[in-house]
Amino acid sequence: MNWLLKFVLYMIAAAGFCGGWVAMAQEAEGHHQHDDMRAVDVIPGDSLYQLSIALQTADDQTVKIADLRGQPLVVTMFYSHCTSVCPLLTAQVQRLVHGLTPTERQQIRILMVSFDALRDTPEALTAFKAEHHMQDTHRIIARASASDVRALAAALGIRYRELPDHTFNHSAVISVTDSDGTVRARTSETTGPDDTFVAAVQAQIAATSPRHP
C-alpha cells in the first residue's frame, strides 16, 4: 500500500475516532460556525492522482481525477448552498485567477469539489457556476461520492462534518499541485490577497511551461 493511501486511511479513521468530541466542541461554539482548522503538512512526494476518485461535473460528465494530470491544479472543497465560508473561499479562488496573466490562466486547472454529493446535483453546480461567473473550461465544478469526498478531503488536509440541517462545518483550504498531482503549496487565507500562494501557483505554471531556446 503506497504512502498516500495509508495517509488517507489514517485520516479517515482518525476523523471517525474524534467525531464525538468534535461534535461537542462545535455545538458549544455555535450551530453554523466555520473554524479556521489548519491543514496538515504538505504531502511529500505523493500524487492525488494515485487516488481512484470519480468526479461528476456541472456538465454531467464523469471525470477521473487522474485525467487532470498534465497541468498544475488549484483545488479546494465547498458546497453550493453554503452562506458563510464558501462565498469567501470562492472569492479567494476568483482573486487568485484574476492575479494571473491571461496566458497563465490557460495553463492551470481549477477544481472545486462539493462536500454535498446528495444536494449538489449537476443542475445545482451549473447554477453555482453561473452565479460566480465560472464559465471557462479550465474551471471544473464537481461532486463525488461520499467515500471519494472523504478520501480527497483527507488527502488535502481538509476537515469537515455534516450537521443535522445538512450544512457543513469545514476548514477552508486551497491547494496547488504540480502537473503530476503532488501538493506543493496551500493557503487558508480567505479575506484578502495571498501573494505567497499566487507566487507558488505561478512557479508551478513556469515549471510546466515549454522552454524556448
N, C-alpha and C. Protein backbone atom coordinates (compact mmCIF):
# COMPACT_ATOMS: atom_id res chain seq x y z
N MET A 1 0.86 -1.19 0.00
CA MET A 1 0.00 0.00 0.00
C MET A 1 0.89 1.24 0.00
N ASN A 2 0.64 2.19 -0.96
CA ASN A 2 1.54 3.34 -1.03
C ASN A 2 1.27 4.32 0.10
N TRP A 3 2.19 5.29 0.23
CA TRP A 3 2.16 6.22 1.37
C TRP A 3 0.89 7.04 1.41
N LEU A 4 0.45 7.54 0.22
CA LEU A 4 -0.72 8.39 0.19
C LEU A 4 -1.97 7.65 0.63
N LEU A 5 -2.14 6.39 0.17
CA LEU A 5 -3.32 5.63 0.57
C LEU A 5 -3.31 5.35 2.06
N LYS A 6 -2.13 5.04 2.61
CA LYS A 6 -2.04 4.85 4.06
C LYS A 6 -2.44 6.11 4.80
N PHE A 7 -1.97 7.26 4.28
CA PHE A 7 -2.29 8.54 4.91
C PHE A 7 -3.79 8.81 4.90
N VAL A 8 -4.44 8.56 3.74
CA VAL A 8 -5.87 8.78 3.62
C VAL A 8 -6.64 7.90 4.58
N LEU A 9 -6.28 6.61 4.65
CA LEU A 9 -6.97 5.69 5.56
C LEU A 9 -6.79 6.11 7.01
N TYR A 10 -5.59 6.58 7.34
CA TYR A 10 -5.35 7.05 8.71
C TYR A 10 -6.22 8.26 9.04
N MET A 11 -6.30 9.23 8.09
CA MET A 11 -7.09 10.44 8.34
C MET A 11 -8.56 10.10 8.50
N ILE A 12 -9.07 9.18 7.67
CA ILE A 12 -10.48 8.81 7.78
C ILE A 12 -10.75 8.13 9.12
N ALA A 13 -9.85 7.23 9.52
CA ALA A 13 -10.02 6.56 10.81
C ALA A 13 -9.94 7.54 11.96
N ALA A 14 -9.01 8.49 11.87
CA ALA A 14 -8.87 9.48 12.94
C ALA A 14 -10.10 10.36 13.03
N ALA A 15 -10.66 10.70 11.85
CA ALA A 15 -11.87 11.53 11.85
C ALA A 15 -13.01 10.82 12.56
N GLY A 16 -13.15 9.52 12.32
CA GLY A 16 -14.21 8.76 12.98
C GLY A 16 -14.00 8.68 14.47
N PHE A 17 -12.76 8.47 14.92
CA PHE A 17 -12.46 8.35 16.33
C PHE A 17 -12.76 9.66 17.07
N CYS A 18 -12.45 10.77 16.37
CA CYS A 18 -12.57 12.07 17.04
C CYS A 18 -13.96 12.68 16.89
N GLY A 19 -14.86 12.01 16.16
CA GLY A 19 -16.14 12.62 15.85
C GLY A 19 -16.92 13.07 17.06
N GLY A 20 -16.89 12.28 18.14
CA GLY A 20 -17.69 12.62 19.31
C GLY A 20 -17.29 13.92 19.94
N TRP A 21 -15.98 14.10 20.23
CA TRP A 21 -15.59 15.34 20.89
C TRP A 21 -15.62 16.52 19.95
N VAL A 22 -15.43 16.29 18.63
CA VAL A 22 -15.56 17.38 17.68
C VAL A 22 -16.99 17.90 17.66
N ALA A 23 -17.96 16.96 17.69
CA ALA A 23 -19.37 17.36 17.68
C ALA A 23 -19.70 18.19 18.91
N MET A 24 -19.22 17.76 20.08
CA MET A 24 -19.49 18.52 21.30
C MET A 24 -18.89 19.91 21.22
N ALA A 25 -17.66 20.00 20.70
CA ALA A 25 -16.99 21.30 20.63
C ALA A 25 -17.72 22.22 19.67
N GLN A 26 -18.16 21.67 18.51
CA GLN A 26 -18.83 22.50 17.53
C GLN A 26 -20.19 22.97 18.03
N GLU A 27 -20.90 22.12 18.75
CA GLU A 27 -22.19 22.53 19.29
C GLU A 27 -22.02 23.63 20.32
N ALA A 28 -20.93 23.57 21.08
CA ALA A 28 -20.67 24.61 22.07
C ALA A 28 -20.32 25.92 21.40
N GLU A 29 -19.69 25.87 20.21
CA GLU A 29 -19.24 27.08 19.53
C GLU A 29 -20.35 27.71 18.70
N GLY A 30 -21.42 26.97 18.43
CA GLY A 30 -22.50 27.52 17.62
C GLY A 30 -22.81 26.64 16.44
N HIS A 31 -24.06 26.69 16.03
CA HIS A 31 -24.56 25.73 15.05
C HIS A 31 -23.86 25.81 13.71
N HIS A 32 -23.53 27.01 13.23
CA HIS A 32 -23.04 27.12 11.85
C HIS A 32 -21.70 27.85 11.79
N GLN A 33 -20.91 27.80 12.82
CA GLN A 33 -19.61 28.46 12.80
C GLN A 33 -18.61 27.61 12.04
N HIS A 34 -17.80 28.25 11.18
CA HIS A 34 -16.77 27.56 10.43
C HIS A 34 -15.42 27.97 11.00
N ASP A 35 -14.76 27.07 11.68
CA ASP A 35 -13.48 27.38 12.30
C ASP A 35 -12.36 27.41 11.28
N ASP A 36 -11.26 28.10 11.62
CA ASP A 36 -10.07 28.05 10.79
C ASP A 36 -9.26 26.84 11.21
N MET A 37 -9.58 25.67 10.65
CA MET A 37 -8.93 24.42 11.01
C MET A 37 -7.77 24.21 10.05
N ARG A 38 -6.57 24.39 10.54
CA ARG A 38 -5.40 24.37 9.68
C ARG A 38 -5.16 23.00 9.07
N ALA A 39 -4.69 23.01 7.82
CA ALA A 39 -4.42 21.76 7.12
C ALA A 39 -3.15 21.12 7.65
N VAL A 40 -3.01 19.83 7.39
CA VAL A 40 -1.80 19.13 7.76
C VAL A 40 -0.67 19.56 6.83
N ASP A 41 0.54 19.11 7.11
CA ASP A 41 1.69 19.47 6.29
C ASP A 41 1.52 18.97 4.86
N VAL A 42 2.23 19.63 3.94
CA VAL A 42 2.18 19.24 2.53
C VAL A 42 2.56 17.77 2.38
N ILE A 43 1.79 17.06 1.56
CA ILE A 43 2.05 15.64 1.34
C ILE A 43 3.37 15.50 0.59
N PRO A 44 4.37 14.82 1.15
CA PRO A 44 5.68 14.77 0.49
C PRO A 44 5.76 13.68 -0.57
N GLY A 45 5.91 14.10 -1.82
CA GLY A 45 6.26 13.16 -2.87
C GLY A 45 5.17 12.22 -3.33
N ASP A 46 3.91 12.47 -3.01
CA ASP A 46 2.82 11.59 -3.44
C ASP A 46 1.77 12.39 -4.18
N SER A 47 1.13 11.74 -5.13
CA SER A 47 0.22 12.40 -6.05
C SER A 47 -1.24 12.13 -5.68
N LEU A 48 -2.07 13.17 -5.81
CA LEU A 48 -3.51 12.97 -5.67
C LEU A 48 -4.02 11.99 -6.72
N TYR A 49 -3.30 11.87 -7.83
CA TYR A 49 -3.77 11.06 -8.93
C TYR A 49 -3.60 9.57 -8.65
N GLN A 50 -3.00 9.21 -7.52
CA GLN A 50 -2.98 7.81 -7.10
C GLN A 50 -4.32 7.39 -6.51
N LEU A 51 -5.15 8.38 -6.18
CA LEU A 51 -6.47 8.08 -5.63
C LEU A 51 -7.45 7.78 -6.76
N SER A 52 -8.27 6.78 -6.58
CA SER A 52 -9.26 6.41 -7.59
C SER A 52 -10.56 7.17 -7.29
N ILE A 53 -10.60 8.43 -7.72
CA ILE A 53 -11.74 9.30 -7.43
C ILE A 53 -12.42 9.66 -8.74
N ALA A 54 -13.75 9.46 -8.78
CA ALA A 54 -14.56 9.83 -9.94
C ALA A 54 -15.34 11.10 -9.63
N LEU A 55 -15.29 12.05 -10.52
CA LEU A 55 -15.99 13.33 -10.36
C LEU A 55 -17.14 13.42 -11.35
N GLN A 56 -18.28 13.91 -10.89
CA GLN A 56 -19.38 14.24 -11.78
C GLN A 56 -19.44 15.75 -11.88
N THR A 57 -19.21 16.29 -13.06
CA THR A 57 -19.08 17.73 -13.23
C THR A 57 -20.44 18.41 -13.38
N ALA A 58 -20.40 19.73 -13.34
CA ALA A 58 -21.62 20.51 -13.54
C ALA A 58 -22.22 20.23 -14.92
N ASP A 59 -21.39 19.83 -15.87
CA ASP A 59 -21.87 19.49 -17.21
C ASP A 59 -22.35 18.05 -17.32
N ASP A 60 -22.44 17.37 -16.16
CA ASP A 60 -22.90 15.97 -16.08
C ASP A 60 -21.96 15.03 -16.84
N GLN A 61 -20.67 15.35 -16.80
CA GLN A 61 -19.65 14.47 -17.35
C GLN A 61 -18.93 13.78 -16.21
N THR A 62 -18.50 12.54 -16.43
CA THR A 62 -17.72 11.81 -15.43
C THR A 62 -16.25 11.92 -15.78
N VAL A 63 -15.47 12.38 -14.80
CA VAL A 63 -14.03 12.60 -14.99
C VAL A 63 -13.30 11.93 -13.84
N LYS A 64 -12.29 11.15 -14.16
CA LYS A 64 -11.40 10.62 -13.12
C LYS A 64 -10.42 11.72 -12.72
N ILE A 65 -10.14 11.83 -11.43
CA ILE A 65 -9.22 12.89 -11.02
C ILE A 65 -7.87 12.74 -11.70
N ALA A 66 -7.48 11.50 -11.99
CA ALA A 66 -6.20 11.27 -12.66
C ALA A 66 -6.18 11.83 -14.08
N ASP A 67 -7.37 12.06 -14.67
CA ASP A 67 -7.44 12.63 -16.01
C ASP A 67 -6.95 14.07 -16.05
N LEU A 68 -6.80 14.70 -14.88
CA LEU A 68 -6.39 16.10 -14.80
C LEU A 68 -4.87 16.25 -14.81
N ARG A 69 -4.17 15.14 -14.84
CA ARG A 69 -2.70 15.18 -14.88
C ARG A 69 -2.22 15.96 -16.11
N GLY A 70 -1.12 16.69 -15.93
CA GLY A 70 -0.50 17.37 -17.06
C GLY A 70 -0.38 18.87 -16.91
N GLN A 71 -1.25 19.47 -16.05
CA GLN A 71 -1.17 20.89 -15.76
C GLN A 71 -1.25 21.08 -14.25
N PRO A 72 -0.70 22.18 -13.72
CA PRO A 72 -0.91 22.46 -12.30
C PRO A 72 -2.40 22.55 -11.99
N LEU A 73 -2.76 22.13 -10.80
CA LEU A 73 -4.16 22.08 -10.39
C LEU A 73 -4.34 22.88 -9.10
N VAL A 74 -5.24 23.86 -9.14
CA VAL A 74 -5.66 24.56 -7.92
C VAL A 74 -6.95 23.89 -7.47
N VAL A 75 -6.97 23.36 -6.26
CA VAL A 75 -8.09 22.53 -5.83
C VAL A 75 -8.56 22.95 -4.44
N THR A 76 -9.88 22.97 -4.27
CA THR A 76 -10.47 23.24 -2.96
C THR A 76 -11.80 22.49 -2.88
N MET A 77 -12.45 22.58 -1.70
CA MET A 77 -13.73 21.90 -1.48
C MET A 77 -14.72 22.88 -0.86
N PHE A 78 -16.00 22.71 -1.20
CA PHE A 78 -17.04 23.67 -0.86
C PHE A 78 -18.38 22.95 -0.90
N TYR A 79 -19.49 23.69 -0.72
CA TYR A 79 -20.81 23.20 -1.11
C TYR A 79 -21.64 24.41 -1.52
N SER A 80 -22.54 24.21 -2.47
CA SER A 80 -23.12 25.36 -3.17
C SER A 80 -24.10 26.16 -2.33
N HIS A 81 -24.75 25.55 -1.33
CA HIS A 81 -25.72 26.31 -0.54
C HIS A 81 -25.12 26.85 0.75
N CYS A 82 -23.80 26.85 0.86
CA CYS A 82 -23.11 27.44 2.00
C CYS A 82 -23.25 28.97 1.94
N THR A 83 -23.47 29.58 3.09
CA THR A 83 -23.67 31.03 3.14
C THR A 83 -22.62 31.74 3.99
N SER A 84 -21.64 31.01 4.49
CA SER A 84 -20.65 31.66 5.35
C SER A 84 -19.26 31.60 4.73
N VAL A 85 -18.52 30.51 4.93
CA VAL A 85 -17.13 30.49 4.48
C VAL A 85 -17.00 30.25 2.97
N CYS A 86 -17.92 29.50 2.36
CA CYS A 86 -17.76 29.16 0.94
C CYS A 86 -17.78 30.38 0.01
N PRO A 87 -18.65 31.37 0.24
CA PRO A 87 -18.54 32.57 -0.61
C PRO A 87 -17.18 33.25 -0.50
N LEU A 88 -16.59 33.25 0.69
CA LEU A 88 -15.25 33.82 0.86
C LEU A 88 -14.22 32.97 0.13
N LEU A 89 -14.37 31.65 0.25
CA LEU A 89 -13.45 30.73 -0.41
C LEU A 89 -13.52 30.88 -1.93
N THR A 90 -14.74 30.99 -2.44
CA THR A 90 -14.93 31.16 -3.88
C THR A 90 -14.35 32.48 -4.35
N ALA A 91 -14.57 33.54 -3.57
CA ALA A 91 -14.00 34.85 -3.93
C ALA A 91 -12.48 34.81 -3.93
N GLN A 92 -11.89 34.02 -3.02
CA GLN A 92 -10.44 33.90 -2.99
C GLN A 92 -9.92 33.18 -4.23
N VAL A 93 -10.63 32.16 -4.67
CA VAL A 93 -10.25 31.48 -5.91
C VAL A 93 -10.33 32.46 -7.08
N GLN A 94 -11.40 33.26 -7.13
CA GLN A 94 -11.54 34.26 -8.18
C GLN A 94 -10.41 35.28 -8.12
N ARG A 95 -10.05 35.69 -6.92
CA ARG A 95 -8.96 36.66 -6.72
C ARG A 95 -7.65 36.09 -7.24
N LEU A 96 -7.43 34.81 -6.96
CA LEU A 96 -6.22 34.15 -7.45
C LEU A 96 -6.19 34.16 -8.98
N VAL A 97 -7.28 33.77 -9.61
CA VAL A 97 -7.34 33.71 -11.08
C VAL A 97 -7.08 35.09 -11.67
N HIS A 98 -7.68 36.11 -11.08
CA HIS A 98 -7.51 37.46 -11.60
C HIS A 98 -6.08 37.98 -11.40
N GLY A 99 -5.35 37.36 -10.48
CA GLY A 99 -3.96 37.75 -10.25
C GLY A 99 -2.99 37.14 -11.25
N LEU A 100 -3.48 36.27 -12.11
CA LEU A 100 -2.64 35.63 -13.13
C LEU A 100 -2.80 36.35 -14.47
N THR A 101 -1.81 36.20 -15.32
CA THR A 101 -1.93 36.76 -16.66
C THR A 101 -2.86 35.89 -17.49
N PRO A 102 -3.42 36.42 -18.59
CA PRO A 102 -4.28 35.58 -19.44
C PRO A 102 -3.58 34.31 -19.89
N THR A 103 -2.30 34.38 -20.20
CA THR A 103 -1.57 33.17 -20.60
C THR A 103 -1.47 32.17 -19.47
N GLU A 104 -1.18 32.66 -18.27
CA GLU A 104 -1.09 31.76 -17.11
C GLU A 104 -2.42 31.08 -16.82
N ARG A 105 -3.52 31.79 -17.02
CA ARG A 105 -4.83 31.21 -16.75
C ARG A 105 -5.13 30.03 -17.65
N GLN A 106 -4.55 30.03 -18.84
CA GLN A 106 -4.76 28.94 -19.78
C GLN A 106 -3.90 27.72 -19.44
N GLN A 107 -2.99 27.87 -18.48
CA GLN A 107 -2.03 26.80 -18.18
C GLN A 107 -2.28 26.11 -16.84
N ILE A 108 -3.43 26.39 -16.23
CA ILE A 108 -3.80 25.71 -14.99
C ILE A 108 -5.24 25.22 -15.10
N ARG A 109 -5.59 24.34 -14.18
CA ARG A 109 -6.99 23.95 -14.00
C ARG A 109 -7.39 24.33 -12.58
N ILE A 110 -8.65 24.71 -12.43
CA ILE A 110 -9.24 25.00 -11.12
C ILE A 110 -10.28 23.91 -10.85
N LEU A 111 -10.17 23.24 -9.71
CA LEU A 111 -11.12 22.18 -9.35
C LEU A 111 -11.74 22.51 -8.00
N MET A 112 -13.07 22.59 -7.98
CA MET A 112 -13.82 22.77 -6.74
C MET A 112 -14.77 21.58 -6.60
N VAL A 113 -14.60 20.81 -5.52
CA VAL A 113 -15.39 19.60 -5.31
C VAL A 113 -16.31 19.80 -4.12
N SER A 114 -17.58 19.48 -4.31
CA SER A 114 -18.57 19.68 -3.26
C SER A 114 -18.49 18.61 -2.18
N PHE A 115 -18.74 19.03 -0.94
CA PHE A 115 -18.91 18.09 0.16
C PHE A 115 -20.26 17.37 0.05
N ASP A 116 -21.23 18.00 -0.63
CA ASP A 116 -22.62 17.58 -0.58
C ASP A 116 -23.00 16.81 -1.84
N ALA A 117 -22.72 15.51 -1.84
CA ALA A 117 -22.99 14.69 -3.02
C ALA A 117 -24.48 14.55 -3.29
N LEU A 118 -25.31 14.69 -2.27
CA LEU A 118 -26.75 14.49 -2.44
C LEU A 118 -27.43 15.70 -3.06
N ARG A 119 -27.17 16.88 -2.53
CA ARG A 119 -27.89 18.07 -2.96
C ARG A 119 -27.20 18.84 -4.08
N ASP A 120 -25.89 18.69 -4.21
CA ASP A 120 -25.19 19.41 -5.27
C ASP A 120 -25.22 18.60 -6.57
N THR A 121 -26.40 18.57 -7.17
CA THR A 121 -26.61 17.91 -8.45
C THR A 121 -25.92 18.71 -9.55
N PRO A 122 -25.76 18.14 -10.74
CA PRO A 122 -25.21 18.93 -11.85
C PRO A 122 -25.98 20.23 -12.08
N GLU A 123 -27.30 20.20 -11.89
CA GLU A 123 -28.09 21.42 -12.06
C GLU A 123 -27.72 22.47 -11.02
N ALA A 124 -27.55 22.05 -9.76
CA ALA A 124 -27.16 22.98 -8.71
C ALA A 124 -25.76 23.53 -8.95
N LEU A 125 -24.86 22.68 -9.43
CA LEU A 125 -23.49 23.12 -9.69
C LEU A 125 -23.44 24.06 -10.90
N THR A 126 -24.29 23.82 -11.89
CA THR A 126 -24.37 24.73 -13.04
C THR A 126 -24.85 26.10 -12.60
N ALA A 127 -25.84 26.13 -11.72
CA ALA A 127 -26.33 27.41 -11.20
C ALA A 127 -25.24 28.12 -10.40
N PHE A 128 -24.46 27.36 -9.64
CA PHE A 128 -23.34 27.94 -8.88
C PHE A 128 -22.31 28.55 -9.83
N LYS A 129 -21.97 27.83 -10.90
CA LYS A 129 -21.01 28.35 -11.88
C LYS A 129 -21.51 29.66 -12.49
N ALA A 130 -22.79 29.71 -12.84
CA ALA A 130 -23.34 30.91 -13.46
C ALA A 130 -23.34 32.07 -12.47
N GLU A 131 -23.70 31.79 -11.22
CA GLU A 131 -23.75 32.84 -10.21
C GLU A 131 -22.37 33.47 -10.00
N HIS A 132 -21.32 32.65 -10.08
CA HIS A 132 -19.97 33.14 -9.79
C HIS A 132 -19.13 33.33 -11.06
N HIS A 133 -19.79 33.31 -12.22
CA HIS A 133 -19.12 33.63 -13.49
C HIS A 133 -17.91 32.71 -13.72
N MET A 134 -18.14 31.41 -13.61
CA MET A 134 -17.08 30.41 -13.79
C MET A 134 -17.38 29.58 -15.04
N GLN A 135 -17.45 30.23 -16.18
CA GLN A 135 -17.89 29.53 -17.38
C GLN A 135 -16.74 28.99 -18.23
N ASP A 136 -15.51 29.39 -17.98
CA ASP A 136 -14.42 28.91 -18.83
C ASP A 136 -14.15 27.44 -18.56
N THR A 137 -13.59 26.76 -19.54
CA THR A 137 -13.42 25.31 -19.48
C THR A 137 -12.32 24.87 -18.53
N HIS A 138 -11.49 25.79 -18.06
CA HIS A 138 -10.41 25.42 -17.15
C HIS A 138 -10.89 25.29 -15.71
N ARG A 139 -12.14 25.68 -15.44
CA ARG A 139 -12.69 25.57 -14.10
C ARG A 139 -13.67 24.39 -14.05
N ILE A 140 -13.38 23.46 -13.18
CA ILE A 140 -14.20 22.25 -13.05
C ILE A 140 -14.90 22.29 -11.69
N ILE A 141 -16.22 22.35 -11.74
CA ILE A 141 -17.03 22.33 -10.52
C ILE A 141 -17.72 20.98 -10.50
N ALA A 142 -17.54 20.21 -9.41
CA ALA A 142 -17.95 18.81 -9.45
C ALA A 142 -18.39 18.31 -8.09
N ARG A 143 -19.04 17.17 -8.11
CA ARG A 143 -19.33 16.43 -6.89
C ARG A 143 -18.72 15.04 -7.02
N ALA A 144 -18.70 14.30 -5.91
CA ALA A 144 -18.17 12.94 -5.91
C ALA A 144 -18.97 12.14 -4.88
N SER A 145 -18.78 10.84 -4.89
CA SER A 145 -19.45 10.01 -3.89
C SER A 145 -18.96 10.38 -2.50
N ALA A 146 -19.73 10.00 -1.49
CA ALA A 146 -19.35 10.32 -0.11
C ALA A 146 -17.99 9.74 0.24
N SER A 147 -17.70 8.53 -0.22
CA SER A 147 -16.40 7.92 0.10
C SER A 147 -15.27 8.64 -0.62
N ASP A 148 -15.50 9.08 -1.85
CA ASP A 148 -14.46 9.83 -2.57
C ASP A 148 -14.25 11.21 -1.98
N VAL A 149 -15.33 11.83 -1.48
CA VAL A 149 -15.19 13.11 -0.78
C VAL A 149 -14.31 12.94 0.45
N ARG A 150 -14.54 11.87 1.21
CA ARG A 150 -13.72 11.63 2.41
C ARG A 150 -12.25 11.43 2.03
N ALA A 151 -12.01 10.67 0.97
CA ALA A 151 -10.64 10.39 0.55
C ALA A 151 -9.93 11.67 0.09
N LEU A 152 -10.61 12.48 -0.72
CA LEU A 152 -10.00 13.71 -1.22
C LEU A 152 -9.75 14.70 -0.09
N ALA A 153 -10.75 14.86 0.80
CA ALA A 153 -10.59 15.78 1.92
C ALA A 153 -9.41 15.37 2.80
N ALA A 154 -9.30 14.08 3.07
CA ALA A 154 -8.18 13.60 3.89
C ALA A 154 -6.85 13.88 3.21
N ALA A 155 -6.76 13.64 1.90
CA ALA A 155 -5.52 13.86 1.17
C ALA A 155 -5.13 15.34 1.14
N LEU A 156 -6.14 16.23 1.13
CA LEU A 156 -5.88 17.67 1.08
C LEU A 156 -5.76 18.29 2.47
N GLY A 157 -5.96 17.50 3.52
CA GLY A 157 -5.90 18.04 4.87
C GLY A 157 -7.09 18.92 5.21
N ILE A 158 -8.24 18.63 4.62
CA ILE A 158 -9.47 19.41 4.86
C ILE A 158 -10.36 18.62 5.81
N ARG A 159 -10.79 19.27 6.88
CA ARG A 159 -11.70 18.63 7.84
C ARG A 159 -13.12 19.15 7.64
N TYR A 160 -14.09 18.24 7.74
CA TYR A 160 -15.47 18.66 7.54
C TYR A 160 -16.40 17.74 8.32
N ARG A 161 -17.61 18.22 8.55
CA ARG A 161 -18.63 17.45 9.26
C ARG A 161 -20.01 17.95 8.84
N GLU A 162 -20.88 17.02 8.43
CA GLU A 162 -22.24 17.41 8.08
C GLU A 162 -23.07 17.56 9.34
N LEU A 163 -23.84 18.66 9.41
CA LEU A 163 -24.70 18.95 10.54
C LEU A 163 -26.12 18.43 10.27
N PRO A 164 -26.95 18.36 11.30
CA PRO A 164 -28.31 17.81 11.11
C PRO A 164 -29.15 18.54 10.07
N ASP A 165 -28.87 19.84 9.85
CA ASP A 165 -29.65 20.59 8.85
C ASP A 165 -29.03 20.51 7.45
N HIS A 166 -28.04 19.60 7.29
CA HIS A 166 -27.38 19.35 6.01
C HIS A 166 -26.48 20.50 5.55
N THR A 167 -26.11 21.39 6.48
CA THR A 167 -24.99 22.28 6.22
C THR A 167 -23.73 21.56 6.70
N PHE A 168 -22.58 22.17 6.45
CA PHE A 168 -21.32 21.52 6.78
C PHE A 168 -20.41 22.49 7.53
N ASN A 169 -19.81 22.01 8.60
CA ASN A 169 -18.66 22.69 9.18
C ASN A 169 -17.43 22.17 8.46
N HIS A 170 -16.57 23.07 8.02
CA HIS A 170 -15.39 22.60 7.28
C HIS A 170 -14.28 23.64 7.33
N SER A 171 -13.06 23.16 7.17
CA SER A 171 -11.93 24.07 7.08
C SER A 171 -11.84 24.61 5.66
N ALA A 172 -11.21 25.78 5.54
CA ALA A 172 -11.05 26.44 4.25
C ALA A 172 -9.61 26.31 3.81
N VAL A 173 -9.36 25.47 2.82
CA VAL A 173 -8.01 25.21 2.34
C VAL A 173 -8.03 25.22 0.81
N ILE A 174 -7.12 25.97 0.22
CA ILE A 174 -6.90 25.95 -1.22
C ILE A 174 -5.49 25.43 -1.44
N SER A 175 -5.35 24.43 -2.31
CA SER A 175 -4.04 23.83 -2.57
C SER A 175 -3.68 23.98 -4.04
N VAL A 176 -2.39 23.96 -4.33
CA VAL A 176 -1.93 23.88 -5.71
C VAL A 176 -1.02 22.67 -5.82
N THR A 177 -1.24 21.88 -6.87
CA THR A 177 -0.39 20.73 -7.14
C THR A 177 0.50 21.03 -8.34
N ASP A 178 1.55 20.25 -8.48
CA ASP A 178 2.32 20.30 -9.71
C ASP A 178 1.58 19.51 -10.78
N SER A 179 2.16 19.38 -11.96
CA SER A 179 1.46 18.73 -13.07
C SER A 179 1.24 17.24 -12.84
N ASP A 180 1.96 16.67 -11.87
CA ASP A 180 1.78 15.25 -11.53
C ASP A 180 0.88 15.04 -10.32
N GLY A 181 0.29 16.11 -9.78
CA GLY A 181 -0.68 15.96 -8.71
C GLY A 181 -0.14 15.99 -7.30
N THR A 182 1.13 16.34 -7.12
CA THR A 182 1.69 16.45 -5.78
C THR A 182 1.43 17.85 -5.24
N VAL A 183 0.86 17.95 -4.05
CA VAL A 183 0.58 19.25 -3.45
C VAL A 183 1.90 19.96 -3.15
N ARG A 184 2.02 21.20 -3.66
CA ARG A 184 3.24 21.97 -3.48
C ARG A 184 3.07 23.18 -2.56
N ALA A 185 1.84 23.66 -2.42
CA ALA A 185 1.58 24.80 -1.52
C ALA A 185 0.10 24.82 -1.21
N ARG A 186 -0.25 25.47 -0.11
CA ARG A 186 -1.66 25.63 0.24
C ARG A 186 -1.82 26.89 1.06
N THR A 187 -3.06 27.37 1.10
CA THR A 187 -3.38 28.57 1.86
C THR A 187 -4.73 28.40 2.53
N SER A 188 -4.90 29.05 3.67
CA SER A 188 -6.20 29.14 4.35
C SER A 188 -6.70 30.58 4.38
N GLU A 189 -6.04 31.46 3.63
CA GLU A 189 -6.45 32.86 3.55
C GLU A 189 -7.72 32.99 2.72
N THR A 190 -8.73 33.67 3.26
CA THR A 190 -9.98 33.85 2.51
C THR A 190 -10.45 35.30 2.47
N THR A 191 -9.72 36.21 3.12
CA THR A 191 -10.24 37.58 3.25
C THR A 191 -9.45 38.61 2.46
N GLY A 192 -8.40 38.20 1.78
CA GLY A 192 -7.60 39.16 1.03
C GLY A 192 -6.55 38.46 0.20
N PRO A 193 -5.80 39.22 -0.59
CA PRO A 193 -4.78 38.61 -1.45
C PRO A 193 -3.75 37.83 -0.65
N ASP A 194 -3.29 36.72 -1.23
CA ASP A 194 -2.20 35.93 -0.66
C ASP A 194 -1.11 35.84 -1.73
N ASP A 195 -0.21 36.83 -1.70
CA ASP A 195 0.80 36.92 -2.74
C ASP A 195 1.74 35.72 -2.74
N THR A 196 1.98 35.15 -1.55
CA THR A 196 2.87 34.00 -1.47
C THR A 196 2.26 32.81 -2.21
N PHE A 197 0.96 32.61 -2.03
CA PHE A 197 0.30 31.48 -2.70
C PHE A 197 0.22 31.73 -4.21
N VAL A 198 -0.08 32.96 -4.61
CA VAL A 198 -0.10 33.28 -6.04
C VAL A 198 1.26 32.99 -6.66
N ALA A 199 2.33 33.37 -5.96
CA ALA A 199 3.68 33.10 -6.46
C ALA A 199 3.93 31.61 -6.58
N ALA A 200 3.40 30.83 -5.63
CA ALA A 200 3.56 29.37 -5.69
C ALA A 200 2.83 28.79 -6.90
N VAL A 201 1.66 29.30 -7.19
CA VAL A 201 0.92 28.86 -8.37
C VAL A 201 1.70 29.22 -9.64
N GLN A 202 2.20 30.43 -9.69
CA GLN A 202 2.96 30.87 -10.87
C GLN A 202 4.23 30.03 -11.05
N ALA A 203 4.85 29.63 -9.94
CA ALA A 203 6.04 28.79 -10.02
C ALA A 203 5.72 27.44 -10.64
N GLN A 204 4.55 26.87 -10.29
CA GLN A 204 4.16 25.59 -10.88
C GLN A 204 3.83 25.74 -12.36
N ILE A 205 3.22 26.87 -12.72
CA ILE A 205 2.95 27.12 -14.14
C ILE A 205 4.27 27.23 -14.91
N ALA A 206 5.22 27.98 -14.36
CA ALA A 206 6.52 28.16 -15.01
C ALA A 206 7.25 26.83 -15.17
N ALA A 207 7.11 25.97 -14.17
CA ALA A 207 7.80 24.68 -14.21
C ALA A 207 7.23 23.77 -15.29
N THR A 208 5.97 24.00 -15.65
CA THR A 208 5.29 23.15 -16.64
C THR A 208 5.36 23.72 -18.05
N SER A 209 5.56 25.04 -18.14
CA SER A 209 5.54 25.70 -19.45
C SER A 209 6.70 25.23 -20.32
N PRO A 210 6.47 25.12 -21.64
CA PRO A 210 7.57 24.74 -22.55
C PRO A 210 8.67 25.80 -22.51
N ARG A 211 9.90 25.34 -22.53
CA ARG A 211 11.03 26.26 -22.52
C ARG A 211 11.54 26.45 -23.94
N HIS A 212 11.71 27.70 -24.29
CA HIS A 212 12.19 28.01 -25.64
C HIS A 212 13.65 28.40 -25.58
N PRO A 213 14.46 27.95 -26.51
CA PRO A 213 15.88 28.30 -26.52
C PRO A 213 16.11 29.77 -26.77
